[in-house]
ModelCIF file with pLDDT and N, C-alpha, C, O atoms, coordinates in Angstrom:
data_MODEL
#
_entry.id   MODEL 
#
_entity.id                         1 
_entity.type                       polymer 
_entity.pdbx_number_of_molecules   1 
#
_entity_poly.entity_id                      1 
_entity_poly.type                           'polypeptide(L)' 
_entity_poly.nstd_linkage                   no 
_entity_poly.nstd_monomer                   no 
_entity_poly.pdbx_seq_one_letter_code       
;(UNK)(UNK)(UNK)(UNK)(UNK)(UNK)(UNK)(UNK)(UNK)(UNK)(UNK)(UNK)(UNK)(UNK)(UNK)(UNK)
(UNK)(UNK)(UNK)(UNK)(UNK)(UNK)(UNK)(UNK)(UNK)(UNK)(UNK)(UNK)(UNK)(UNK)(UNK)(UNK)
(UNK)(UNK)(UNK)(UNK)(UNK)(UNK)(UNK)(UNK)(UNK)(UNK)(UNK)(UNK)
;
_entity_poly.pdbx_seq_one_letter_code_can   XXXXXXXXXXXXXXXXXXXXXXXXXXXXXXXXXXXXXXXXXXXX 
_entity_poly.pdbx_strand_id                 A 
#
loop_
_entity_poly_seq.entity_id 
_entity_poly_seq.num 
_entity_poly_seq.mon_id 
_entity_poly_seq.hetero 
1 1  UNK n 
1 2  UNK n 
1 3  UNK n 
1 4  UNK n 
1 5  UNK n 
1 6  UNK n 
1 7  UNK n 
1 8  UNK n 
1 9  UNK n 
1 10 UNK n 
1 11 UNK n 
1 12 UNK n 
1 13 UNK n 
1 14 UNK n 
1 15 UNK n 
1 16 UNK n 
1 17 UNK n 
1 18 UNK n 
1 19 UNK n 
1 20 UNK n 
1 21 UNK n 
1 22 UNK n 
1 23 UNK n 
1 24 UNK n 
1 25 UNK n 
1 26 UNK n 
1 27 UNK n 
1 28 UNK n 
1 29 UNK n 
1 30 UNK n 
1 31 UNK n 
1 32 UNK n 
1 33 UNK n 
1 34 UNK n 
1 35 UNK n 
1 36 UNK n 
1 37 UNK n 
1 38 UNK n 
1 39 UNK n 
1 40 UNK n 
1 41 UNK n 
1 42 UNK n 
1 43 UNK n 
1 44 UNK n 
#
_struct_asym.id          A 
_struct_asym.entity_id   1 
#
loop_
_ma_qa_metric.id 
_ma_qa_metric.mode 
_ma_qa_metric.name 
_ma_qa_metric.software_group_id 
_ma_qa_metric.type 
1 global pLDDT . pLDDT 
2 local  pLDDT . pLDDT 
#
_ma_qa_metric_global.metric_id      1 
_ma_qa_metric_global.metric_value   97.48 
_ma_qa_metric_global.model_id       1 
_ma_qa_metric_global.ordinal_id     1 
#
loop_
_ma_qa_metric_local.label_asym_id 
_ma_qa_metric_local.label_comp_id 
_ma_qa_metric_local.label_seq_id 
_ma_qa_metric_local.metric_id 
_ma_qa_metric_local.metric_value 
_ma_qa_metric_local.model_id 
_ma_qa_metric_local.ordinal_id 
A UNK 1  2 97.00 1 1  
A UNK 2  2 97.00 1 2  
A UNK 3  2 97.00 1 3  
A UNK 4  2 96.00 1 4  
A UNK 5  2 96.00 1 5  
A UNK 6  2 96.00 1 6  
A UNK 7  2 96.00 1 7  
A UNK 8  2 96.00 1 8  
A UNK 9  2 96.00 1 9  
A UNK 10 2 96.00 1 10 
A UNK 11 2 97.00 1 11 
A UNK 12 2 97.00 1 12 
A UNK 13 2 97.00 1 13 
A UNK 14 2 97.00 1 14 
A UNK 15 2 97.00 1 15 
A UNK 16 2 97.00 1 16 
A UNK 17 2 98.00 1 17 
A UNK 18 2 98.00 1 18 
A UNK 19 2 98.00 1 19 
A UNK 20 2 98.00 1 20 
A UNK 21 2 98.00 1 21 
A UNK 22 2 98.00 1 22 
A UNK 23 2 98.00 1 23 
A UNK 24 2 98.00 1 24 
A UNK 25 2 98.00 1 25 
A UNK 26 2 98.00 1 26 
A UNK 27 2 98.00 1 27 
A UNK 28 2 98.00 1 28 
A UNK 29 2 98.00 1 29 
A UNK 30 2 98.00 1 30 
A UNK 31 2 98.00 1 31 
A UNK 32 2 98.00 1 32 
A UNK 33 2 98.00 1 33 
A UNK 34 2 98.00 1 34 
A UNK 35 2 98.00 1 35 
A UNK 36 2 98.00 1 36 
A UNK 37 2 98.00 1 37 
A UNK 38 2 98.00 1 38 
A UNK 39 2 98.00 1 39 
A UNK 40 2 98.00 1 40 
A UNK 41 2 98.00 1 41 
A UNK 42 2 98.00 1 42 
A UNK 43 2 98.00 1 43 
A UNK 44 2 98.00 1 44 
#
loop_
_atom_site.group_PDB 
_atom_site.id 
_atom_site.type_symbol 
_atom_site.label_atom_id 
_atom_site.label_alt_id 
_atom_site.label_comp_id 
_atom_site.label_asym_id 
_atom_site.label_entity_id 
_atom_site.label_seq_id 
_atom_site.pdbx_PDB_ins_code 
_atom_site.Cartn_x 
_atom_site.Cartn_y 
_atom_site.Cartn_z 
_atom_site.occupancy 
_atom_site.B_iso_or_equiv 
_atom_site.pdbx_formal_charge 
_atom_site.auth_seq_id 
_atom_site.auth_comp_id 
_atom_site.auth_asym_id 
_atom_site.auth_atom_id 
_atom_site.pdbx_PDB_model_num 
ATOM 1   N N  . UNK A 1 1  ? 129.786 119.133 76.960 1.00 97.00 ? 1  UNK A N  1 
ATOM 2   C CA . UNK A 1 1  ? 128.922 118.984 75.795 1.00 97.00 ? 1  UNK A CA 1 
ATOM 3   C C  . UNK A 1 1  ? 128.406 120.342 75.326 1.00 97.00 ? 1  UNK A C  1 
ATOM 4   O O  . UNK A 1 1  ? 127.840 121.109 76.105 1.00 97.00 ? 1  UNK A O  1 
ATOM 5   N N  . UNK A 1 2  ? 128.610 120.623 74.046 1.00 97.00 ? 2  UNK A N  1 
ATOM 6   C CA . UNK A 1 2  ? 128.112 121.866 73.472 1.00 97.00 ? 2  UNK A CA 1 
ATOM 7   C C  . UNK A 1 2  ? 129.085 123.024 73.537 1.00 97.00 ? 2  UNK A C  1 
ATOM 8   O O  . UNK A 1 2  ? 128.760 124.127 73.100 1.00 97.00 ? 2  UNK A O  1 
ATOM 9   N N  . UNK A 1 3  ? 130.281 122.792 74.079 1.00 97.00 ? 3  UNK A N  1 
ATOM 10  C CA . UNK A 1 3  ? 131.294 123.850 74.123 1.00 97.00 ? 3  UNK A CA 1 
ATOM 11  C C  . UNK A 1 3  ? 132.637 123.278 73.662 1.00 97.00 ? 3  UNK A C  1 
ATOM 12  O O  . UNK A 1 3  ? 132.804 122.063 73.564 1.00 97.00 ? 3  UNK A O  1 
ATOM 13  N N  . UNK A 1 4  ? 133.581 124.160 73.386 1.00 96.00 ? 4  UNK A N  1 
ATOM 14  C CA . UNK A 1 4  ? 134.951 123.737 73.104 1.00 96.00 ? 4  UNK A CA 1 
ATOM 15  C C  . UNK A 1 4  ? 135.115 122.909 71.851 1.00 96.00 ? 4  UNK A C  1 
ATOM 16  O O  . UNK A 1 4  ? 135.841 121.915 71.854 1.00 96.00 ? 4  UNK A O  1 
ATOM 17  N N  . UNK A 1 5  ? 134.445 123.308 70.766 1.00 96.00 ? 5  UNK A N  1 
ATOM 18  C CA . UNK A 1 5  ? 134.552 122.552 69.520 1.00 96.00 ? 5  UNK A CA 1 
ATOM 19  C C  . UNK A 1 5  ? 135.311 123.353 68.455 1.00 96.00 ? 5  UNK A C  1 
ATOM 20  O O  . UNK A 1 5  ? 135.023 123.250 67.262 1.00 96.00 ? 5  UNK A O  1 
ATOM 21  N N  . UNK A 1 6  ? 136.273 124.143 68.902 1.00 96.00 ? 6  UNK A N  1 
ATOM 22  C CA . UNK A 1 6  ? 136.984 125.035 67.999 1.00 96.00 ? 6  UNK A CA 1 
ATOM 23  C C  . UNK A 1 6  ? 138.348 124.502 67.573 1.00 96.00 ? 6  UNK A C  1 
ATOM 24  O O  . UNK A 1 6  ? 139.094 125.190 66.875 1.00 96.00 ? 6  UNK A O  1 
ATOM 25  N N  . UNK A 1 7  ? 138.680 123.271 67.992 1.00 96.00 ? 7  UNK A N  1 
ATOM 26  C CA . UNK A 1 7  ? 140.002 122.725 67.704 1.00 96.00 ? 7  UNK A CA 1 
ATOM 27  C C  . UNK A 1 7  ? 139.890 121.340 67.070 1.00 96.00 ? 7  UNK A C  1 
ATOM 28  O O  . UNK A 1 7  ? 138.892 120.649 67.278 1.00 96.00 ? 7  UNK A O  1 
ATOM 29  N N  . UNK A 1 8  ? 140.905 120.918 66.294 1.00 96.00 ? 8  UNK A N  1 
ATOM 30  C CA . UNK A 1 8  ? 140.929 119.534 65.804 1.00 96.00 ? 8  UNK A CA 1 
ATOM 31  C C  . UNK A 1 8  ? 141.207 118.571 66.946 1.00 96.00 ? 8  UNK A C  1 
ATOM 32  O O  . UNK A 1 8  ? 141.588 118.976 68.045 1.00 96.00 ? 8  UNK A O  1 
ATOM 33  N N  . UNK A 1 9  ? 141.012 117.309 66.671 1.00 96.00 ? 9  UNK A N  1 
ATOM 34  C CA . UNK A 1 9  ? 140.990 116.259 67.693 1.00 96.00 ? 9  UNK A CA 1 
ATOM 35  C C  . UNK A 1 9  ? 142.126 116.311 68.706 1.00 96.00 ? 9  UNK A C  1 
ATOM 36  O O  . UNK A 1 9  ? 141.866 116.430 69.904 1.00 96.00 ? 9  UNK A O  1 
ATOM 37  N N  . UNK A 1 10 ? 143.358 116.227 68.268 1.00 96.00 ? 10 UNK A N  1 
ATOM 38  C CA . UNK A 1 10 ? 144.469 116.080 69.208 1.00 96.00 ? 10 UNK A CA 1 
ATOM 39  C C  . UNK A 1 10 ? 144.647 117.300 70.098 1.00 96.00 ? 10 UNK A C  1 
ATOM 40  O O  . UNK A 1 10 ? 144.932 117.158 71.288 1.00 96.00 ? 10 UNK A O  1 
ATOM 41  N N  . UNK A 1 11 ? 144.486 118.490 69.547 1.00 97.00 ? 11 UNK A N  1 
ATOM 42  C CA . UNK A 1 11 ? 144.549 119.711 70.357 1.00 97.00 ? 11 UNK A CA 1 
ATOM 43  C C  . UNK A 1 11 ? 143.336 119.826 71.279 1.00 97.00 ? 11 UNK A C  1 
ATOM 44  O O  . UNK A 1 11 ? 143.442 120.304 72.408 1.00 97.00 ? 11 UNK A O  1 
ATOM 45  N N  . UNK A 1 12 ? 142.190 119.380 70.781 1.00 97.00 ? 12 UNK A N  1 
ATOM 46  C CA . UNK A 1 12 ? 140.939 119.385 71.563 1.00 97.00 ? 12 UNK A CA 1 
ATOM 47  C C  . UNK A 1 12 ? 141.074 118.528 72.812 1.00 97.00 ? 12 UNK A C  1 
ATOM 48  O O  . UNK A 1 12 ? 140.626 118.911 73.892 1.00 97.00 ? 12 UNK A O  1 
ATOM 49  N N  . UNK A 1 13 ? 141.697 117.360 72.654 1.00 97.00 ? 13 UNK A N  1 
ATOM 50  C CA . UNK A 1 13 ? 141.902 116.474 73.804 1.00 97.00 ? 13 UNK A CA 1 
ATOM 51  C C  . UNK A 1 13 ? 142.721 117.166 74.888 1.00 97.00 ? 13 UNK A C  1 
ATOM 52  O O  . UNK A 1 13 ? 142.383 117.106 76.070 1.00 97.00 ? 13 UNK A O  1 
ATOM 53  N N  . UNK A 1 14 ? 143.796 117.819 74.475 1.00 97.00 ? 14 UNK A N  1 
ATOM 54  C CA . UNK A 1 14 ? 144.696 118.450 75.437 1.00 97.00 ? 14 UNK A CA 1 
ATOM 55  C C  . UNK A 1 14 ? 144.059 119.641 76.139 1.00 97.00 ? 14 UNK A C  1 
ATOM 56  O O  . UNK A 1 14 ? 144.188 119.782 77.356 1.00 97.00 ? 14 UNK A O  1 
ATOM 57  N N  . UNK A 1 15 ? 143.376 120.495 75.393 1.00 97.00 ? 15 UNK A N  1 
ATOM 58  C CA . UNK A 1 15 ? 142.842 121.720 75.971 1.00 97.00 ? 15 UNK A CA 1 
ATOM 59  C C  . UNK A 1 15 ? 141.567 121.508 76.768 1.00 97.00 ? 15 UNK A C  1 
ATOM 60  O O  . UNK A 1 15 ? 141.389 122.122 77.820 1.00 97.00 ? 15 UNK A O  1 
ATOM 61  N N  . UNK A 1 16 ? 140.676 120.649 76.285 1.00 97.00 ? 16 UNK A N  1 
ATOM 62  C CA . UNK A 1 16 ? 139.363 120.536 76.900 1.00 97.00 ? 16 UNK A CA 1 
ATOM 63  C C  . UNK A 1 16 ? 139.100 119.201 77.613 1.00 97.00 ? 16 UNK A C  1 
ATOM 64  O O  . UNK A 1 16 ? 138.531 119.169 78.703 1.00 97.00 ? 16 UNK A O  1 
ATOM 65  N N  . UNK A 1 17 ? 139.520 118.121 76.985 1.00 98.00 ? 17 UNK A N  1 
ATOM 66  C CA . UNK A 1 17 ? 139.064 116.804 77.432 1.00 98.00 ? 17 UNK A CA 1 
ATOM 67  C C  . UNK A 1 17 ? 139.849 116.256 78.614 1.00 98.00 ? 17 UNK A C  1 
ATOM 68  O O  . UNK A 1 17 ? 139.255 115.875 79.623 1.00 98.00 ? 17 UNK A O  1 
ATOM 69  N N  . UNK A 1 18 ? 141.163 116.211 78.511 1.00 98.00 ? 18 UNK A N  1 
ATOM 70  C CA . UNK A 1 18 ? 141.952 115.667 79.611 1.00 98.00 ? 18 UNK A CA 1 
ATOM 71  C C  . UNK A 1 18 ? 141.752 116.438 80.919 1.00 98.00 ? 18 UNK A C  1 
ATOM 72  O O  . UNK A 1 18 ? 141.679 115.812 81.977 1.00 98.00 ? 18 UNK A O  1 
ATOM 73  N N  . UNK A 1 19 ? 141.660 117.776 80.887 1.00 98.00 ? 19 UNK A N  1 
ATOM 74  C CA . UNK A 1 19 ? 141.431 118.489 82.155 1.00 98.00 ? 19 UNK A CA 1 
ATOM 75  C C  . UNK A 1 19 ? 140.114 118.126 82.829 1.00 98.00 ? 19 UNK A C  1 
ATOM 76  O O  . UNK A 1 19 ? 140.067 117.985 84.051 1.00 98.00 ? 19 UNK A O  1 
ATOM 77  N N  . UNK A 1 20 ? 139.038 117.972 82.051 1.00 98.00 ? 20 UNK A N  1 
ATOM 78  C CA . UNK A 1 20 ? 137.757 117.632 82.684 1.00 98.00 ? 20 UNK A CA 1 
ATOM 79  C C  . UNK A 1 20 ? 137.773 116.191 83.181 1.00 98.00 ? 20 UNK A C  1 
ATOM 80  O O  . UNK A 1 20 ? 137.230 115.906 84.249 1.00 98.00 ? 20 UNK A O  1 
ATOM 81  N N  . UNK A 1 21 ? 138.383 115.278 82.431 1.00 98.00 ? 21 UNK A N  1 
ATOM 82  C CA . UNK A 1 21 ? 138.427 113.882 82.867 1.00 98.00 ? 21 UNK A CA 1 
ATOM 83  C C  . UNK A 1 21 ? 139.267 113.720 84.135 1.00 98.00 ? 21 UNK A C  1 
ATOM 84  O O  . UNK A 1 21 ? 138.975 112.858 84.965 1.00 98.00 ? 21 UNK A O  1 
ATOM 85  N N  . UNK A 1 22 ? 140.294 114.533 84.287 1.00 98.00 ? 22 UNK A N  1 
ATOM 86  C CA . UNK A 1 22 ? 141.150 114.448 85.474 1.00 98.00 ? 22 UNK A CA 1 
ATOM 87  C C  . UNK A 1 22 ? 140.380 114.741 86.758 1.00 98.00 ? 22 UNK A C  1 
ATOM 88  O O  . UNK A 1 22 ? 140.792 114.309 87.834 1.00 98.00 ? 22 UNK A O  1 
ATOM 89  N N  . UNK A 1 23 ? 139.283 115.459 86.661 1.00 98.00 ? 23 UNK A N  1 
ATOM 90  C CA . UNK A 1 23 ? 138.507 115.828 87.846 1.00 98.00 ? 23 UNK A CA 1 
ATOM 91  C C  . UNK A 1 23 ? 137.708 114.665 88.429 1.00 98.00 ? 23 UNK A C  1 
ATOM 92  O O  . UNK A 1 23 ? 137.162 114.781 89.526 1.00 98.00 ? 23 UNK A O  1 
ATOM 93  N N  . UNK A 1 24 ? 137.632 113.549 87.709 1.00 98.00 ? 24 UNK A N  1 
ATOM 94  C CA . UNK A 1 24 ? 136.789 112.446 88.165 1.00 98.00 ? 24 UNK A CA 1 
ATOM 95  C C  . UNK A 1 24 ? 137.420 111.597 89.251 1.00 98.00 ? 24 UNK A C  1 
ATOM 96  O O  . UNK A 1 24 ? 136.859 110.571 89.638 1.00 98.00 ? 24 UNK A O  1 
ATOM 97  N N  . UNK A 1 25 ? 138.585 112.009 89.753 1.00 98.00 ? 25 UNK A N  1 
ATOM 98  C CA . UNK A 1 25 ? 139.100 111.369 90.961 1.00 98.00 ? 25 UNK A CA 1 
ATOM 99  C C  . UNK A 1 25 ? 138.278 111.807 92.172 1.00 98.00 ? 25 UNK A C  1 
ATOM 100 O O  . UNK A 1 25 ? 138.313 111.163 93.221 1.00 98.00 ? 25 UNK A O  1 
ATOM 101 N N  . UNK A 1 26 ? 137.538 112.905 92.018 1.00 98.00 ? 26 UNK A N  1 
ATOM 102 C CA . UNK A 1 26 ? 136.622 113.406 93.047 1.00 98.00 ? 26 UNK A CA 1 
ATOM 103 C C  . UNK A 1 26 ? 135.287 112.683 92.894 1.00 98.00 ? 26 UNK A C  1 
ATOM 104 O O  . UNK A 1 26 ? 134.564 112.916 91.926 1.00 98.00 ? 26 UNK A O  1 
ATOM 105 N N  . UNK A 1 27 ? 134.957 111.812 93.838 1.00 98.00 ? 27 UNK A N  1 
ATOM 106 C CA . UNK A 1 27 ? 133.750 110.986 93.733 1.00 98.00 ? 27 UNK A CA 1 
ATOM 107 C C  . UNK A 1 27 ? 132.464 111.812 93.770 1.00 98.00 ? 27 UNK A C  1 
ATOM 108 O O  . UNK A 1 27 ? 131.486 111.455 93.114 1.00 98.00 ? 27 UNK A O  1 
ATOM 109 N N  . UNK A 1 28 ? 132.453 112.896 94.516 1.00 98.00 ? 28 UNK A N  1 
ATOM 110 C CA . UNK A 1 28 ? 131.252 113.735 94.548 1.00 98.00 ? 28 UNK A CA 1 
ATOM 111 C C  . UNK A 1 28 ? 131.007 114.385 93.188 1.00 98.00 ? 28 UNK A C  1 
ATOM 112 O O  . UNK A 1 28 ? 129.876 114.435 92.704 1.00 98.00 ? 28 UNK A O  1 
ATOM 113 N N  . UNK A 1 29 ? 132.070 114.875 92.589 1.00 98.00 ? 29 UNK A N  1 
ATOM 114 C CA . UNK A 1 29 ? 131.969 115.438 91.242 1.00 98.00 ? 29 UNK A CA 1 
ATOM 115 C C  . UNK A 1 29 ? 131.502 114.372 90.255 1.00 98.00 ? 29 UNK A C  1 
ATOM 116 O O  . UNK A 1 29 ? 130.625 114.618 89.426 1.00 98.00 ? 29 UNK A O  1 
ATOM 117 N N  . UNK A 1 30 ? 132.099 113.187 90.355 1.00 98.00 ? 30 UNK A N  1 
ATOM 118 C CA . UNK A 1 30 ? 131.745 112.093 89.447 1.00 98.00 ? 30 UNK A CA 1 
ATOM 119 C C  . UNK A 1 30 ? 130.281 111.693 89.590 1.00 98.00 ? 30 UNK A C  1 
ATOM 120 O O  . UNK A 1 30 ? 129.591 111.482 88.593 1.00 98.00 ? 30 UNK A O  1 
ATOM 121 N N  . UNK A 1 31 ? 129.810 111.589 90.830 1.00 98.00 ? 31 UNK A N  1 
ATOM 122 C CA . UNK A 1 31 ? 128.418 111.186 91.035 1.00 98.00 ? 31 UNK A CA 1 
ATOM 123 C C  . UNK A 1 31 ? 127.456 112.195 90.424 1.00 98.00 ? 31 UNK A C  1 
ATOM 124 O O  . UNK A 1 31 ? 126.448 111.814 89.829 1.00 98.00 ? 31 UNK A O  1 
ATOM 125 N N  . UNK A 1 32 ? 127.758 113.456 90.567 1.00 98.00 ? 32 UNK A N  1 
ATOM 126 C CA . UNK A 1 32 ? 126.892 114.496 90.021 1.00 98.00 ? 32 UNK A CA 1 
ATOM 127 C C  . UNK A 1 32 ? 126.826 114.414 88.492 1.00 98.00 ? 32 UNK A C  1 
ATOM 128 O O  . UNK A 1 32 ? 125.738 114.394 87.916 1.00 98.00 ? 32 UNK A O  1 
ATOM 129 N N  . UNK A 1 33 ? 127.981 114.368 87.847 1.00 98.00 ? 33 UNK A N  1 
ATOM 130 C CA . UNK A 1 33 ? 128.012 114.350 86.381 1.00 98.00 ? 33 UNK A CA 1 
ATOM 131 C C  . UNK A 1 33 ? 127.447 113.039 85.839 1.00 98.00 ? 33 UNK A C  1 
ATOM 132 O O  . UNK A 1 33 ? 126.671 113.050 84.883 1.00 98.00 ? 33 UNK A O  1 
ATOM 133 N N  . UNK A 1 34 ? 127.823 111.924 86.432 1.00 98.00 ? 34 UNK A N  1 
ATOM 134 C CA . UNK A 1 34 ? 127.358 110.634 85.922 1.00 98.00 ? 34 UNK A CA 1 
ATOM 135 C C  . UNK A 1 34 ? 125.850 110.458 86.101 1.00 98.00 ? 34 UNK A C  1 
ATOM 136 O O  . UNK A 1 34 ? 125.196 109.834 85.265 1.00 98.00 ? 34 UNK A O  1 
ATOM 137 N N  . UNK A 1 35 ? 125.303 110.998 87.172 1.00 98.00 ? 35 UNK A N  1 
ATOM 138 C CA . UNK A 1 35 ? 123.856 110.953 87.341 1.00 98.00 ? 35 UNK A CA 1 
ATOM 139 C C  . UNK A 1 35 ? 123.166 111.752 86.237 1.00 98.00 ? 35 UNK A C  1 
ATOM 140 O O  . UNK A 1 35 ? 122.149 111.326 85.691 1.00 98.00 ? 35 UNK A O  1 
ATOM 141 N N  . UNK A 1 36 ? 123.723 112.896 85.923 1.00 98.00 ? 36 UNK A N  1 
ATOM 142 C CA . UNK A 1 36 ? 123.151 113.735 84.869 1.00 98.00 ? 36 UNK A CA 1 
ATOM 143 C C  . UNK A 1 36 ? 123.185 113.035 83.511 1.00 98.00 ? 36 UNK A C  1 
ATOM 144 O O  . UNK A 1 36 ? 122.201 113.061 82.773 1.00 98.00 ? 36 UNK A O  1 
ATOM 145 N N  . UNK A 1 37 ? 124.319 112.407 83.182 1.00 98.00 ? 37 UNK A N  1 
ATOM 146 C CA . UNK A 1 37 ? 124.428 111.805 81.853 1.00 98.00 ? 37 UNK A CA 1 
ATOM 147 C C  . UNK A 1 37 ? 123.511 110.594 81.697 1.00 98.00 ? 37 UNK A C  1 
ATOM 148 O O  . UNK A 1 37 ? 122.923 110.402 80.633 1.00 98.00 ? 37 UNK A O  1 
ATOM 149 N N  . UNK A 1 38 ? 123.380 109.786 82.731 1.00 98.00 ? 38 UNK A N  1 
ATOM 150 C CA . UNK A 1 38 ? 122.504 108.620 82.638 1.00 98.00 ? 38 UNK A CA 1 
ATOM 151 C C  . UNK A 1 38 ? 121.043 109.053 82.510 1.00 98.00 ? 38 UNK A C  1 
ATOM 152 O O  . UNK A 1 38 ? 120.296 108.500 81.703 1.00 98.00 ? 38 UNK A O  1 
ATOM 153 N N  . UNK A 1 39 ? 120.646 110.033 83.301 1.00 98.00 ? 39 UNK A N  1 
ATOM 154 C CA . UNK A 1 39 ? 119.272 110.519 83.213 1.00 98.00 ? 39 UNK A CA 1 
ATOM 155 C C  . UNK A 1 39 ? 118.993 111.179 81.863 1.00 98.00 ? 39 UNK A C  1 
ATOM 156 O O  . UNK A 1 39 ? 117.921 110.996 81.286 1.00 98.00 ? 39 UNK A O  1 
ATOM 157 N N  . UNK A 1 40 ? 119.960 111.944 81.364 1.00 98.00 ? 40 UNK A N  1 
ATOM 158 C CA . UNK A 1 40 ? 119.766 112.630 80.089 1.00 98.00 ? 40 UNK A CA 1 
ATOM 159 C C  . UNK A 1 40 ? 119.645 111.643 78.935 1.00 98.00 ? 40 UNK A C  1 
ATOM 160 O O  . UNK A 1 40 ? 118.789 111.804 78.065 1.00 98.00 ? 40 UNK A O  1 
ATOM 161 N N  . UNK A 1 41 ? 120.493 110.631 78.925 1.00 98.00 ? 41 UNK A N  1 
ATOM 162 C CA . UNK A 1 41 ? 120.420 109.662 77.833 1.00 98.00 ? 41 UNK A CA 1 
ATOM 163 C C  . UNK A 1 41 ? 119.143 108.833 77.905 1.00 98.00 ? 41 UNK A C  1 
ATOM 164 O O  . UNK A 1 41 ? 118.541 108.544 76.871 1.00 98.00 ? 41 UNK A O  1 
ATOM 165 N N  . UNK A 1 42 ? 118.722 108.449 79.099 1.00 98.00 ? 42 UNK A N  1 
ATOM 166 C CA . UNK A 1 42 ? 117.485 107.689 79.224 1.00 98.00 ? 42 UNK A CA 1 
ATOM 167 C C  . UNK A 1 42 ? 116.277 108.490 78.747 1.00 98.00 ? 42 UNK A C  1 
ATOM 168 O O  . UNK A 1 42 ? 115.422 107.954 78.041 1.00 98.00 ? 42 UNK A O  1 
ATOM 169 N N  . UNK A 1 43 ? 116.196 109.749 79.121 1.00 98.00 ? 43 UNK A N  1 
ATOM 170 C CA . UNK A 1 43 ? 115.039 110.530 78.695 1.00 98.00 ? 43 UNK A CA 1 
ATOM 171 C C  . UNK A 1 43 ? 115.079 110.815 77.191 1.00 98.00 ? 43 UNK A C  1 
ATOM 172 O O  . UNK A 1 43 ? 114.083 111.238 76.606 1.00 98.00 ? 43 UNK A O  1 
ATOM 173 N N  . UNK A 1 44 ? 116.242 110.577 76.572 1.00 98.00 ? 44 UNK A N  1 
ATOM 174 C CA . UNK A 1 44 ? 116.352 110.669 75.120 1.00 98.00 ? 44 UNK A CA 1 
ATOM 175 C C  . UNK A 1 44 ? 116.213 109.307 74.439 1.00 98.00 ? 44 UNK A C  1 
ATOM 176 O O  . UNK A 1 44 ? 116.283 109.220 73.214 1.00 98.00 ? 44 UNK A O  1 
#
């Protein structure tokens, strides 16, 4: 969030989005990020 907005949609997915989503097979990584997003959205 807040970075990597220099490309149109399809190129953006390939360069930025798919690589970060691929990391969520790691449960520790997933727990950290998902905890952050739920807390951030609730406080908003």
